[in-house]
Protein backbone atom coordinates (compact mmCIF):
# COMPACT_ATOMS: atom_id res chain seq x y z
CA UNK A 1 0.00 0.00 0.00
CA UNK A 2 2.77 2.43 0.97
CA UNK A 3 4.66 1.75 -2.25
CA UNK A 4 1.48 2.32 -4.24
CA UNK A 5 0.83 5.59 -2.42
CA UNK A 6 4.34 6.82 -3.24
CA UNK A 7 3.72 6.00 -6.91
CA UNK A 8 0.47 7.98 -6.78
CA UNK A 9 2.30 10.96 -5.27
CA UNK A 10 4.90 10.63 -8.03
CA UNK A 11 2.22 10.74 -10.73
CA UNK A 12 0.68 13.76 -9.04
CA UNK A 13 4.03 15.57 -8.91
CA UNK A 14 4.65 14.78 -12.58
CA UNK A 15 1.26 16.25 -13.50
CA UNK A 16 1.99 19.44 -11.56
CA UNK A 17 5.45 19.68 -13.12
CA UNK A 18 4.08 19.33 -16.65
CA UNK A 19 0.82 21.29 -16.43
CA UNK A 20 1.67 24.37 -14.36
CA UNK A 21 4.25 25.69 -16.89
CA UNK A 22 1.77 24.95 -19.67
CA UNK A 23 -0.81 27.29 -18.16
CA UNK A 24 1.80 29.95 -17.38
CA UNK A 25 3.61 30.03 -20.74
CA UNK A 26 0.92 28.51 -23.04
CA UNK A 27 3.38 27.85 -25.84
CA UNK A 28 6.76 28.50 -27.39
CA UNK A 29 6.69 29.33 -31.11
CA UNK A 30 5.10 26.55 -33.13
CA UNK A 31 4.89 24.44 -29.95
CA UNK A 32 1.58 25.94 -28.88
CA UNK A 33 -0.83 25.16 -26.06
CA UNK A 34 -2.60 22.35 -27.94
CA UNK A 35 0.55 20.43 -28.94
CA UNK A 36 1.94 20.92 -25.43
CA UNK A 37 -1.24 19.72 -23.74
CA UNK A 38 -1.40 16.67 -26.00
CA UNK A 39 2.23 15.69 -25.41
CA UNK A 40 1.85 16.17 -21.65
CA UNK A 41 -1.10 13.78 -21.58
CA UNK A 42 0.67 11.18 -23.71
CA UNK A 43 3.68 11.26 -21.36
CA UNK A 44 1.54 11.10 -18.20
CA UNK A 45 -0.59 8.23 -19.46
CA UNK A 46 2.53 6.34 -20.55
CA UNK A 47 4.04 6.77 -17.08
CA UNK A 48 0.75 5.72 -15.50
CA UNK A 49 0.58 2.53 -17.54
CA UNK A 50 4.14 1.64 -16.57
CA UNK A 51 3.50 2.32 -12.87
CA UNK A 52 0.03 0.78 -12.71
CA UNK A 53 -0.41 -1.79 -15.45
CA UNK A 54 -3.07 -3.75 -13.49
CA UNK A 55 -5.10 -0.55 -13.13
CA UNK A 56 -4.85 0.09 -16.85
CA UNK A 57 -6.07 -3.43 -17.57
CA UNK A 58 -8.99 -2.94 -15.17
CA UNK A 59 -10.10 0.15 -17.09
CA UNK A 60 -10.24 -1.86 -20.30
CA UNK A 61 -12.98 -4.05 -18.83
CA UNK A 62 -15.14 -1.30 -17.34
CA UNK A 63 -17.35 -0.86 -20.40
CA UNK A 64 -17.91 -4.43 -21.45
CA UNK A 65 -21.62 -4.13 -20.64
CA UNK A 66 -24.26 -1.45 -21.10
CA UNK A 67 -22.49 0.50 -23.84
CA UNK A 68 -25.70 1.99 -25.20
CA UNK A 69 -26.77 3.36 -21.83
CA UNK A 70 -23.32 4.81 -21.21
CA UNK A 71 -23.26 6.54 -24.58
CA UNK A 72 -26.63 8.15 -23.88
CA UNK A 73 -25.55 9.19 -20.37
CA UNK A 74 -22.32 10.60 -21.77
CA UNK A 75 -24.17 12.75 -24.30
CA UNK A 76 -26.82 13.84 -21.79
CA UNK A 77 -24.22 14.73 -19.17
CA UNK A 78 -22.29 16.85 -21.68
CA UNK A 79 -25.48 18.75 -22.56
CA UNK A 80 -26.26 19.26 -18.87
CA UNK A 81 -22.75 20.53 -18.09
CA UNK A 82 -22.90 22.89 -21.06
CA UNK A 83 -26.17 24.33 -19.74
CA UNK A 84 -24.58 24.80 -16.30
CA UNK A 85 -21.78 26.82 -17.92
CA UNK A 86 -24.22 28.68 -20.16
CA UNK A 87 -26.10 29.93 -17.11
CA UNK A 88 -22.88 30.47 -15.18
CA UNK A 89 -21.47 32.57 -18.01
CA UNK A 90 -24.47 34.92 -17.96
CA UNK A 91 -24.64 35.24 -14.19
CA UNK A 92 -20.92 35.61 -13.55
CA UNK A 93 -20.56 38.36 -16.17
CA UNK A 94 -23.36 40.28 -14.43
CA UNK A 95 -22.17 39.71 -10.86
CA UNK A 96 -18.36 39.74 -10.95
CA UNK A 97 -16.44 42.62 -12.55
CA UNK A 98 -13.49 40.38 -13.42
CA UNK A 99 -15.53 37.57 -14.97
CA UNK A 100 -15.78 38.85 -18.54
CA UNK A 101 -12.04 39.35 -18.92
CA UNK A 102 -11.36 35.98 -17.32
CA UNK A 103 -13.79 34.06 -19.51
CA UNK A 104 -12.65 35.78 -22.68
CA UNK A 105 -9.02 35.12 -21.73
CA UNK A 106 -9.68 31.38 -21.74
CA UNK A 107 -10.35 31.59 -25.45
CA UNK A 108 -6.95 33.22 -25.88
CA UNK A 109 -5.53 29.71 -25.46
CA UNK A 110 -6.66 29.07 -29.03
CA UNK A 111 -3.84 31.27 -30.29
CA UNK A 112 -3.35 30.79 -34.00
CA UNK A 113 -4.35 27.12 -34.00
CA UNK A 114 -6.94 26.10 -36.57
CA UNK A 115 -10.33 24.90 -35.41
CA UNK A 116 -9.76 21.63 -37.24
CA UNK A 117 -6.50 20.89 -35.41
CA UNK A 118 -8.03 21.78 -32.05
CA UNK A 119 -11.04 19.56 -32.76
CA UNK A 120 -8.90 16.59 -33.81
CA UNK A 121 -6.62 16.89 -30.76
CA UNK A 122 -9.61 17.26 -28.44
CA UNK A 123 -11.33 14.25 -29.99
CA UNK A 124 -8.35 11.91 -30.14
CA UNK A 125 -5.97 12.98 -27.36
CA UNK A 126 -7.03 15.79 -25.03
CA UNK A 127 -10.57 14.76 -24.08
CA UNK A 128 -9.85 11.02 -23.77
CA UNK A 129 -6.41 11.65 -22.29
CA UNK A 130 -7.66 13.91 -19.49
CA UNK A 131 -10.25 11.36 -18.44
CA UNK A 132 -7.89 8.39 -18.61
CA UNK A 133 -5.23 10.20 -16.58
CA UNK A 134 -7.19 12.36 -14.13
CA UNK A 135 -10.12 10.07 -13.45
CA UNK A 136 -8.87 6.66 -14.60
CA UNK A 137 -5.50 6.85 -12.86
CA UNK A 138 -5.26 9.75 -10.40
CA UNK A 139 -8.80 9.66 -8.99
CA UNK A 140 -9.00 5.86 -8.96
CA UNK A 141 -5.69 5.54 -7.13
CA UNK A 142 -6.56 8.19 -4.53
CA UNK A 143 -9.90 6.45 -4.00
CA UNK A 144 -8.06 3.18 -3.42
CA UNK A 145 -5.77 4.82 -0.86
CA UNK A 146 -8.18 7.24 0.85
CA UNK A 147 -11.66 5.88 0.17
CA UNK A 148 -14.24 6.75 -2.47
CA UNK A 149 -15.45 10.23 -1.57
CA UNK A 150 -12.23 11.50 -0.03
CA UNK A 151 -10.16 10.24 -2.95
CA UNK A 152 -12.59 11.84 -5.40
CA UNK A 153 -12.35 15.23 -3.64
CA UNK A 154 -8.56 15.13 -3.34
CA UNK A 155 -8.15 14.26 -7.02
CA UNK A 156 -10.59 17.02 -8.00
CA UNK A 157 -8.69 19.54 -5.90
CA UNK A 158 -5.43 18.62 -7.63
CA UNK A 159 -7.08 18.83 -11.06
CA UNK A 160 -8.29 22.37 -10.29
CA UNK A 161 -5.00 23.40 -8.64
CA UNK A 162 -2.83 22.73 -11.70
CA UNK A 163 -4.82 25.47 -13.48
CA UNK A 164 -3.67 28.08 -10.93
CA UNK A 165 -0.64 28.77 -13.07
CA UNK A 166 -2.93 30.55 -15.51
CA UNK A 167 -3.64 33.26 -12.93
CA UNK A 168 -7.23 33.17 -14.19
CA UNK A 169 -9.74 32.60 -11.40
CA UNK A 170 -12.52 31.86 -13.92
CA UNK A 171 -10.46 29.07 -15.50
CA UNK A 172 -9.71 27.60 -12.07
CA UNK A 173 -13.41 27.71 -11.14
CA UNK A 174 -14.29 26.11 -14.47
CA UNK A 175 -11.74 23.34 -13.87
CA UNK A 176 -13.09 22.81 -10.35
CA UNK A 177 -16.65 22.56 -11.67
CA UNK A 178 -15.67 20.14 -14.42
CA UNK A 179 -13.50 18.12 -12.05
CA UNK A 180 -16.35 17.73 -9.59
CA UNK A 181 -18.79 16.84 -12.34
CA UNK A 182 -16.67 14.29 -14.24
CA UNK A 183 -15.15 13.00 -11.02
CA UNK A 184 -18.60 12.29 -9.62
CA UNK A 185 -19.61 10.58 -12.87
CA UNK A 186 -16.61 8.30 -12.57
CA UNK A 187 -17.24 7.69 -8.88
CA UNK A 188 -20.87 6.81 -9.62
CA UNK A 189 -20.63 4.84 -12.88
CA UNK A 190 -16.95 3.77 -13.08
CA UNK A 191 -17.07 4.10 -16.87
CA UNK A 192 -14.29 5.53 -19.01
CA UNK A 193 -16.55 5.45 -22.05
CA UNK A 194 -19.18 7.62 -20.38
CA UNK A 195 -16.62 10.13 -19.11
CA UNK A 196 -14.74 10.39 -22.39
CA UNK A 197 -17.91 10.97 -24.40
CA UNK A 198 -19.04 13.65 -21.94
CA UNK A 199 -15.66 15.37 -21.90
CA UNK A 200 -15.10 15.38 -25.66
CA UNK A 201 -18.58 16.69 -26.49
CA UNK A 202 -18.33 19.40 -23.83
CA UNK A 203 -14.85 20.46 -24.94
CA UNK A 204 -15.76 20.81 -28.60
CA UNK A 205 -19.06 22.55 -27.80
CA UNK A 206 -17.51 25.12 -25.44
CA UNK A 207 -14.35 25.88 -27.42
CA UNK A 208 -15.50 25.52 -31.03
CA UNK A 209 -19.23 25.11 -31.67
CA UNK A 210 -20.96 27.32 -29.08
CA UNK A 211 -18.29 29.37 -27.27
CA UNK A 212 -19.05 31.80 -24.47
CA UNK A 213 -16.60 34.53 -25.49
CA UNK A 214 -17.72 38.01 -26.39
C-alpha atoms as a PDB file:
ATOM      1  CA  UNK A   1       0.000   0.000   0.000  1.00  0.00           C
ATOM      2  CA  UNK A   2       2.766   2.431   0.970  1.00  0.00           C
ATOM      3  CA  UNK A   3       4.662   1.753  -2.253  1.00  0.00           C
ATOM      4  CA  UNK A   4       1.480   2.321  -4.238  1.00  0.00           C
ATOM      5  CA  UNK A   5       0.834   5.594  -2.425  1.00  0.00           C
ATOM      6  CA  UNK A   6       4.338   6.822  -3.238  1.00  0.00           C
ATOM      7  CA  UNK A   7       3.716   6.004  -6.914  1.00  0.00           C
ATOM      8  CA  UNK A   8       0.475   7.977  -6.781  1.00  0.00           C
ATOM      9  CA  UNK A   9       2.299  10.959  -5.272  1.00  0.00           C
ATOM     10  CA  UNK A  10       4.896  10.629  -8.026  1.00  0.00           C
ATOM     11  CA  UNK A  11       2.219  10.739 -10.732  1.00  0.00           C
ATOM     12  CA  UNK A  12       0.682  13.761  -9.044  1.00  0.00           C
ATOM     13  CA  UNK A  13       4.028  15.569  -8.907  1.00  0.00           C
ATOM     14  CA  UNK A  14       4.648  14.775 -12.577  1.00  0.00           C
ATOM     15  CA  UNK A  15       1.259  16.250 -13.501  1.00  0.00           C
ATOM     16  CA  UNK A  16       1.986  19.442 -11.556  1.00  0.00           C
ATOM     17  CA  UNK A  17       5.454  19.679 -13.120  1.00  0.00           C
ATOM     18  CA  UNK A  18       4.077  19.332 -16.647  1.00  0.00           C
ATOM     19  CA  UNK A  19       0.820  21.289 -16.426  1.00  0.00           C
ATOM     20  CA  UNK A  20       1.668  24.366 -14.357  1.00  0.00           C
ATOM     21  CA  UNK A  21       4.250  25.694 -16.891  1.00  0.00           C
ATOM     22  CA  UNK A  22       1.765  24.951 -19.671  1.00  0.00           C
ATOM     23  CA  UNK A  23      -0.812  27.287 -18.156  1.00  0.00           C
ATOM     24  CA  UNK A  24       1.802  29.948 -17.384  1.00  0.00           C
ATOM     25  CA  UNK A  25       3.609  30.029 -20.745  1.00  0.00           C
ATOM     26  CA  UNK A  26       0.923  28.514 -23.042  1.00  0.00           C
ATOM     27  CA  UNK A  27       3.380  27.853 -25.843  1.00  0.00           C
ATOM     28  CA  UNK A  28       6.759  28.501 -27.393  1.00  0.00           C
ATOM     29  CA  UNK A  29       6.692  29.330 -31.106  1.00  0.00           C
ATOM     30  CA  UNK A  30       5.097  26.549 -33.130  1.00  0.00           C
ATOM     31  CA  UNK A  31       4.886  24.441 -29.945  1.00  0.00           C
ATOM     32  CA  UNK A  32       1.582  25.939 -28.878  1.00  0.00           C
ATOM     33  CA  UNK A  33      -0.831  25.156 -26.064  1.00  0.00           C
ATOM     34  CA  UNK A  34      -2.599  22.352 -27.943  1.00  0.00           C
ATOM     35  CA  UNK A  35       0.546  20.435 -28.938  1.00  0.00           C
ATOM     36  CA  UNK A  36       1.945  20.918 -25.434  1.00  0.00           C
ATOM     37  CA  UNK A  37      -1.242  19.723 -23.738  1.00  0.00           C
ATOM     38  CA  UNK A  38      -1.404  16.667 -26.003  1.00  0.00           C
ATOM     39  CA  UNK A  39       2.226  15.685 -25.414  1.00  0.00           C
ATOM     40  CA  UNK A  40       1.849  16.165 -21.649  1.00  0.00           C
ATOM     41  CA  UNK A  41      -1.097  13.783 -21.582  1.00  0.00           C
ATOM     42  CA  UNK A  42       0.666  11.178 -23.706  1.00  0.00           C
ATOM     43  CA  UNK A  43       3.678  11.257 -21.361  1.00  0.00           C
ATOM     44  CA  UNK A  44       1.544  11.097 -18.202  1.00  0.00           C
ATOM     45  CA  UNK A  45      -0.589   8.227 -19.463  1.00  0.00           C
ATOM     46  CA  UNK A  46       2.531   6.344 -20.550  1.00  0.00           C
ATOM     47  CA  UNK A  47       4.040   6.771 -17.078  1.00  0.00           C
ATOM     48  CA  UNK A  48       0.747   5.720 -15.500  1.00  0.00           C
ATOM     49  CA  UNK A  49       0.575   2.526 -17.536  1.00  0.00           C
ATOM     50  CA  UNK A  50       4.140   1.643 -16.570  1.00  0.00           C
ATOM     51  CA  UNK A  51       3.500   2.322 -12.874  1.00  0.00           C
ATOM     52  CA  UNK A  52       0.029   0.777 -12.714  1.00  0.00           C
ATOM     53  CA  UNK A  53      -0.414  -1.793 -15.448  1.00  0.00           C
ATOM     54  CA  UNK A  54      -3.067  -3.752 -13.487  1.00  0.00           C
ATOM     55  CA  UNK A  55      -5.099  -0.546 -13.127  1.00  0.00           C
ATOM     56  CA  UNK A  56      -4.854   0.086 -16.851  1.00  0.00           C
ATOM     57  CA  UNK A  57      -6.074  -3.434 -17.574  1.00  0.00           C
ATOM     58  CA  UNK A  58      -8.989  -2.945 -15.167  1.00  0.00           C
ATOM     59  CA  UNK A  59     -10.099   0.150 -17.086  1.00  0.00           C
ATOM     60  CA  UNK A  60     -10.244  -1.865 -20.297  1.00  0.00           C
ATOM     61  CA  UNK A  61     -12.976  -4.045 -18.832  1.00  0.00           C
ATOM     62  CA  UNK A  62     -15.136  -1.297 -17.342  1.00  0.00           C
ATOM     63  CA  UNK A  63     -17.352  -0.855 -20.398  1.00  0.00           C
ATOM     64  CA  UNK A  64     -17.914  -4.432 -21.447  1.00  0.00           C
ATOM     65  CA  UNK A  65     -21.618  -4.128 -20.643  1.00  0.00           C
ATOM     66  CA  UNK A  66     -24.258  -1.450 -21.098  1.00  0.00           C
ATOM     67  CA  UNK A  67     -22.490   0.501 -23.841  1.00  0.00           C
ATOM     68  CA  UNK A  68     -25.699   1.988 -25.204  1.00  0.00           C
ATOM     69  CA  UNK A  69     -26.767   3.363 -21.834  1.00  0.00           C
ATOM     70  CA  UNK A  70     -23.319   4.814 -21.207  1.00  0.00           C
ATOM     71  CA  UNK A  71     -23.262   6.544 -24.579  1.00  0.00           C
ATOM     72  CA  UNK A  72     -26.633   8.149 -23.883  1.00  0.00           C
ATOM     73  CA  UNK A  73     -25.549   9.193 -20.375  1.00  0.00           C
ATOM     74  CA  UNK A  74     -22.325  10.596 -21.770  1.00  0.00           C
ATOM     75  CA  UNK A  75     -24.172  12.755 -24.302  1.00  0.00           C
ATOM     76  CA  UNK A  76     -26.822  13.838 -21.791  1.00  0.00           C
ATOM     77  CA  UNK A  77     -24.224  14.734 -19.172  1.00  0.00           C
ATOM     78  CA  UNK A  78     -22.294  16.855 -21.681  1.00  0.00           C
ATOM     79  CA  UNK A  79     -25.480  18.752 -22.556  1.00  0.00           C
ATOM     80  CA  UNK A  80     -26.261  19.257 -18.872  1.00  0.00           C
ATOM     81  CA  UNK A  81     -22.754  20.529 -18.092  1.00  0.00           C
ATOM     82  CA  UNK A  82     -22.902  22.891 -21.065  1.00  0.00           C
ATOM     83  CA  UNK A  83     -26.173  24.334 -19.736  1.00  0.00           C
ATOM     84  CA  UNK A  84     -24.579  24.802 -16.302  1.00  0.00           C
ATOM     85  CA  UNK A  85     -21.776  26.816 -17.919  1.00  0.00           C
ATOM     86  CA  UNK A  86     -24.223  28.685 -20.155  1.00  0.00           C
ATOM     87  CA  UNK A  87     -26.102  29.926 -17.106  1.00  0.00           C
ATOM     88  CA  UNK A  88     -22.875  30.470 -15.179  1.00  0.00           C
ATOM     89  CA  UNK A  89     -21.467  32.574 -18.005  1.00  0.00           C
ATOM     90  CA  UNK A  90     -24.466  34.918 -17.963  1.00  0.00           C
ATOM     91  CA  UNK A  91     -24.640  35.240 -14.187  1.00  0.00           C
ATOM     92  CA  UNK A  92     -20.916  35.614 -13.552  1.00  0.00           C
ATOM     93  CA  UNK A  93     -20.565  38.362 -16.168  1.00  0.00           C
ATOM     94  CA  UNK A  94     -23.363  40.282 -14.429  1.00  0.00           C
ATOM     95  CA  UNK A  95     -22.171  39.705 -10.859  1.00  0.00           C
ATOM     96  CA  UNK A  96     -18.365  39.736 -10.951  1.00  0.00           C
ATOM     97  CA  UNK A  97     -16.438  42.623 -12.549  1.00  0.00           C
ATOM     98  CA  UNK A  98     -13.487  40.375 -13.419  1.00  0.00           C
ATOM     99  CA  UNK A  99     -15.534  37.566 -14.974  1.00  0.00           C
ATOM    100  CA  UNK A 100     -15.777  38.852 -18.542  1.00  0.00           C
ATOM    101  CA  UNK A 101     -12.040  39.353 -18.918  1.00  0.00           C
ATOM    102  CA  UNK A 102     -11.358  35.977 -17.317  1.00  0.00           C
ATOM    103  CA  UNK A 103     -13.789  34.064 -19.508  1.00  0.00           C
ATOM    104  CA  UNK A 104     -12.649  35.781 -22.685  1.00  0.00           C
ATOM    105  CA  UNK A 105      -9.022  35.115 -21.730  1.00  0.00           C
ATOM    106  CA  UNK A 106      -9.678  31.378 -21.740  1.00  0.00           C
ATOM    107  CA  UNK A 107     -10.347  31.590 -25.455  1.00  0.00           C
ATOM    108  CA  UNK A 108      -6.953  33.216 -25.881  1.00  0.00           C
ATOM    109  CA  UNK A 109      -5.528  29.708 -25.461  1.00  0.00           C
ATOM    110  CA  UNK A 110      -6.655  29.073 -29.033  1.00  0.00           C
ATOM    111  CA  UNK A 111      -3.838  31.273 -30.294  1.00  0.00           C
ATOM    112  CA  UNK A 112      -3.348  30.792 -34.003  1.00  0.00           C
ATOM    113  CA  UNK A 113      -4.348  27.116 -34.001  1.00  0.00           C
ATOM    114  CA  UNK A 114      -6.935  26.101 -36.571  1.00  0.00           C
ATOM    115  CA  UNK A 115     -10.332  24.904 -35.406  1.00  0.00           C
ATOM    116  CA  UNK A 116      -9.757  21.628 -37.235  1.00  0.00           C
ATOM    117  CA  UNK A 117      -6.502  20.894 -35.407  1.00  0.00           C
ATOM    118  CA  UNK A 118      -8.026  21.776 -32.051  1.00  0.00           C
ATOM    119  CA  UNK A 119     -11.045  19.564 -32.761  1.00  0.00           C
ATOM    120  CA  UNK A 120      -8.896  16.590 -33.808  1.00  0.00           C
ATOM    121  CA  UNK A 121      -6.623  16.887 -30.761  1.00  0.00           C
ATOM    122  CA  UNK A 122      -9.614  17.263 -28.438  1.00  0.00           C
ATOM    123  CA  UNK A 123     -11.328  14.253 -29.995  1.00  0.00           C
ATOM    124  CA  UNK A 124      -8.352  11.909 -30.138  1.00  0.00           C
ATOM    125  CA  UNK A 125      -5.970  12.980 -27.363  1.00  0.00           C
ATOM    126  CA  UNK A 126      -7.027  15.785 -25.028  1.00  0.00           C
ATOM    127  CA  UNK A 127     -10.568  14.759 -24.083  1.00  0.00           C
ATOM    128  CA  UNK A 128      -9.855  11.025 -23.765  1.00  0.00           C
ATOM    129  CA  UNK A 129      -6.410  11.653 -22.287  1.00  0.00           C
ATOM    130  CA  UNK A 130      -7.655  13.906 -19.490  1.00  0.00           C
ATOM    131  CA  UNK A 131     -10.248  11.363 -18.442  1.00  0.00           C
ATOM    132  CA  UNK A 132      -7.889   8.393 -18.613  1.00  0.00           C
ATOM    133  CA  UNK A 133      -5.225  10.197 -16.582  1.00  0.00           C
ATOM    134  CA  UNK A 134      -7.189  12.364 -14.127  1.00  0.00           C
ATOM    135  CA  UNK A 135     -10.118  10.067 -13.453  1.00  0.00           C
ATOM    136  CA  UNK A 136      -8.867   6.657 -14.598  1.00  0.00           C
ATOM    137  CA  UNK A 137      -5.498   6.853 -12.860  1.00  0.00           C
ATOM    138  CA  UNK A 138      -5.263   9.751 -10.397  1.00  0.00           C
ATOM    139  CA  UNK A 139      -8.801   9.661  -8.987  1.00  0.00           C
ATOM    140  CA  UNK A 140      -8.995   5.864  -8.964  1.00  0.00           C
ATOM    141  CA  UNK A 141      -5.687   5.544  -7.129  1.00  0.00           C
ATOM    142  CA  UNK A 142      -6.557   8.190  -4.526  1.00  0.00           C
ATOM    143  CA  UNK A 143      -9.897   6.455  -3.996  1.00  0.00           C
ATOM    144  CA  UNK A 144      -8.061   3.181  -3.424  1.00  0.00           C
ATOM    145  CA  UNK A 145      -5.770   4.820  -0.861  1.00  0.00           C
ATOM    146  CA  UNK A 146      -8.184   7.239   0.845  1.00  0.00           C
ATOM    147  CA  UNK A 147     -11.662   5.876   0.165  1.00  0.00           C
ATOM    148  CA  UNK A 148     -14.239   6.754  -2.466  1.00  0.00           C
ATOM    149  CA  UNK A 149     -15.451  10.234  -1.569  1.00  0.00           C
ATOM    150  CA  UNK A 150     -12.226  11.500  -0.029  1.00  0.00           C
ATOM    151  CA  UNK A 151     -10.161  10.241  -2.955  1.00  0.00           C
ATOM    152  CA  UNK A 152     -12.588  11.840  -5.400  1.00  0.00           C
ATOM    153  CA  UNK A 153     -12.346  15.228  -3.644  1.00  0.00           C
ATOM    154  CA  UNK A 154      -8.557  15.132  -3.340  1.00  0.00           C
ATOM    155  CA  UNK A 155      -8.150  14.256  -7.020  1.00  0.00           C
ATOM    156  CA  UNK A 156     -10.590  17.016  -8.001  1.00  0.00           C
ATOM    157  CA  UNK A 157      -8.688  19.536  -5.895  1.00  0.00           C
ATOM    158  CA  UNK A 158      -5.428  18.618  -7.631  1.00  0.00           C
ATOM    159  CA  UNK A 159      -7.080  18.834 -11.055  1.00  0.00           C
ATOM    160  CA  UNK A 160      -8.288  22.371 -10.285  1.00  0.00           C
ATOM    161  CA  UNK A 161      -5.004  23.396  -8.644  1.00  0.00           C
ATOM    162  CA  UNK A 162      -2.834  22.735 -11.703  1.00  0.00           C
ATOM    163  CA  UNK A 163      -4.825  25.469 -13.476  1.00  0.00           C
ATOM    164  CA  UNK A 164      -3.670  28.076 -10.928  1.00  0.00           C
ATOM    165  CA  UNK A 165      -0.636  28.765 -13.068  1.00  0.00           C
ATOM    166  CA  UNK A 166      -2.927  30.549 -15.514  1.00  0.00           C
ATOM    167  CA  UNK A 167      -3.636  33.262 -12.935  1.00  0.00           C
ATOM    168  CA  UNK A 168      -7.230  33.172 -14.194  1.00  0.00           C
ATOM    169  CA  UNK A 169      -9.744  32.598 -11.404  1.00  0.00           C
ATOM    170  CA  UNK A 170     -12.519  31.857 -13.916  1.00  0.00           C
ATOM    171  CA  UNK A 171     -10.465  29.070 -15.496  1.00  0.00           C
ATOM    172  CA  UNK A 172      -9.705  27.604 -12.074  1.00  0.00           C
ATOM    173  CA  UNK A 173     -13.408  27.706 -11.139  1.00  0.00           C
ATOM    174  CA  UNK A 174     -14.295  26.111 -14.468  1.00  0.00           C
ATOM    175  CA  UNK A 175     -11.740  23.345 -13.868  1.00  0.00           C
ATOM    176  CA  UNK A 176     -13.094  22.808 -10.352  1.00  0.00           C
ATOM    177  CA  UNK A 177     -16.653  22.556 -11.669  1.00  0.00           C
ATOM    178  CA  UNK A 178     -15.675  20.140 -14.420  1.00  0.00           C
ATOM    179  CA  UNK A 179     -13.504  18.125 -12.054  1.00  0.00           C
ATOM    180  CA  UNK A 180     -16.345  17.734  -9.585  1.00  0.00           C
ATOM    181  CA  UNK A 181     -18.788  16.838 -12.345  1.00  0.00           C
ATOM    182  CA  UNK A 182     -16.673  14.294 -14.240  1.00  0.00           C
ATOM    183  CA  UNK A 183     -15.149  13.004 -11.017  1.00  0.00           C
ATOM    184  CA  UNK A 184     -18.602  12.288  -9.618  1.00  0.00           C
ATOM    185  CA  UNK A 185     -19.615  10.577 -12.866  1.00  0.00           C
ATOM    186  CA  UNK A 186     -16.606   8.301 -12.575  1.00  0.00           C
ATOM    187  CA  UNK A 187     -17.244   7.691  -8.880  1.00  0.00           C
ATOM    188  CA  UNK A 188     -20.865   6.812  -9.625  1.00  0.00           C
ATOM    189  CA  UNK A 189     -20.625   4.839 -12.884  1.00  0.00           C
ATOM    190  CA  UNK A 190     -16.955   3.771 -13.084  1.00  0.00           C
ATOM    191  CA  UNK A 191     -17.072   4.104 -16.870  1.00  0.00           C
ATOM    192  CA  UNK A 192     -14.286   5.527 -19.006  1.00  0.00           C
ATOM    193  CA  UNK A 193     -16.547   5.453 -22.050  1.00  0.00           C
ATOM    194  CA  UNK A 194     -19.175   7.617 -20.378  1.00  0.00           C
ATOM    195  CA  UNK A 195     -16.619  10.134 -19.106  1.00  0.00           C
ATOM    196  CA  UNK A 196     -14.735  10.394 -22.386  1.00  0.00           C
ATOM    197  CA  UNK A 197     -17.912  10.972 -24.397  1.00  0.00           C
ATOM    198  CA  UNK A 198     -19.043  13.652 -21.943  1.00  0.00           C
ATOM    199  CA  UNK A 199     -15.658  15.371 -21.898  1.00  0.00           C
ATOM    200  CA  UNK A 200     -15.102  15.380 -25.656  1.00  0.00           C
ATOM    201  CA  UNK A 201     -18.578  16.687 -26.491  1.00  0.00           C
ATOM    202  CA  UNK A 202     -18.334  19.395 -23.827  1.00  0.00           C
ATOM    203  CA  UNK A 203     -14.846  20.465 -24.944  1.00  0.00           C
ATOM    204  CA  UNK A 204     -15.758  20.812 -28.598  1.00  0.00           C
ATOM    205  CA  UNK A 205     -19.056  22.547 -27.796  1.00  0.00           C
ATOM    206  CA  UNK A 206     -17.510  25.118 -25.439  1.00  0.00           C
ATOM    207  CA  UNK A 207     -14.354  25.876 -27.416  1.00  0.00           C
ATOM    208  CA  UNK A 208     -15.500  25.519 -31.025  1.00  0.00           C
ATOM    209  CA  UNK A 209     -19.226  25.111 -31.667  1.00  0.00           C
ATOM    210  CA  UNK A 210     -20.962  27.325 -29.078  1.00  0.00           C
ATOM    211  CA  UNK A 211     -18.292  29.366 -27.273  1.00  0.00           C
ATOM    212  CA  UNK A 212     -19.052  31.800 -24.466  1.00  0.00           C
ATOM    213  CA  UNK A 213     -16.595  34.531 -25.494  1.00  0.00           C
ATOM    214  CA  UNK A 214     -17.719  38.011 -26.387  1.00  0.00           C
END
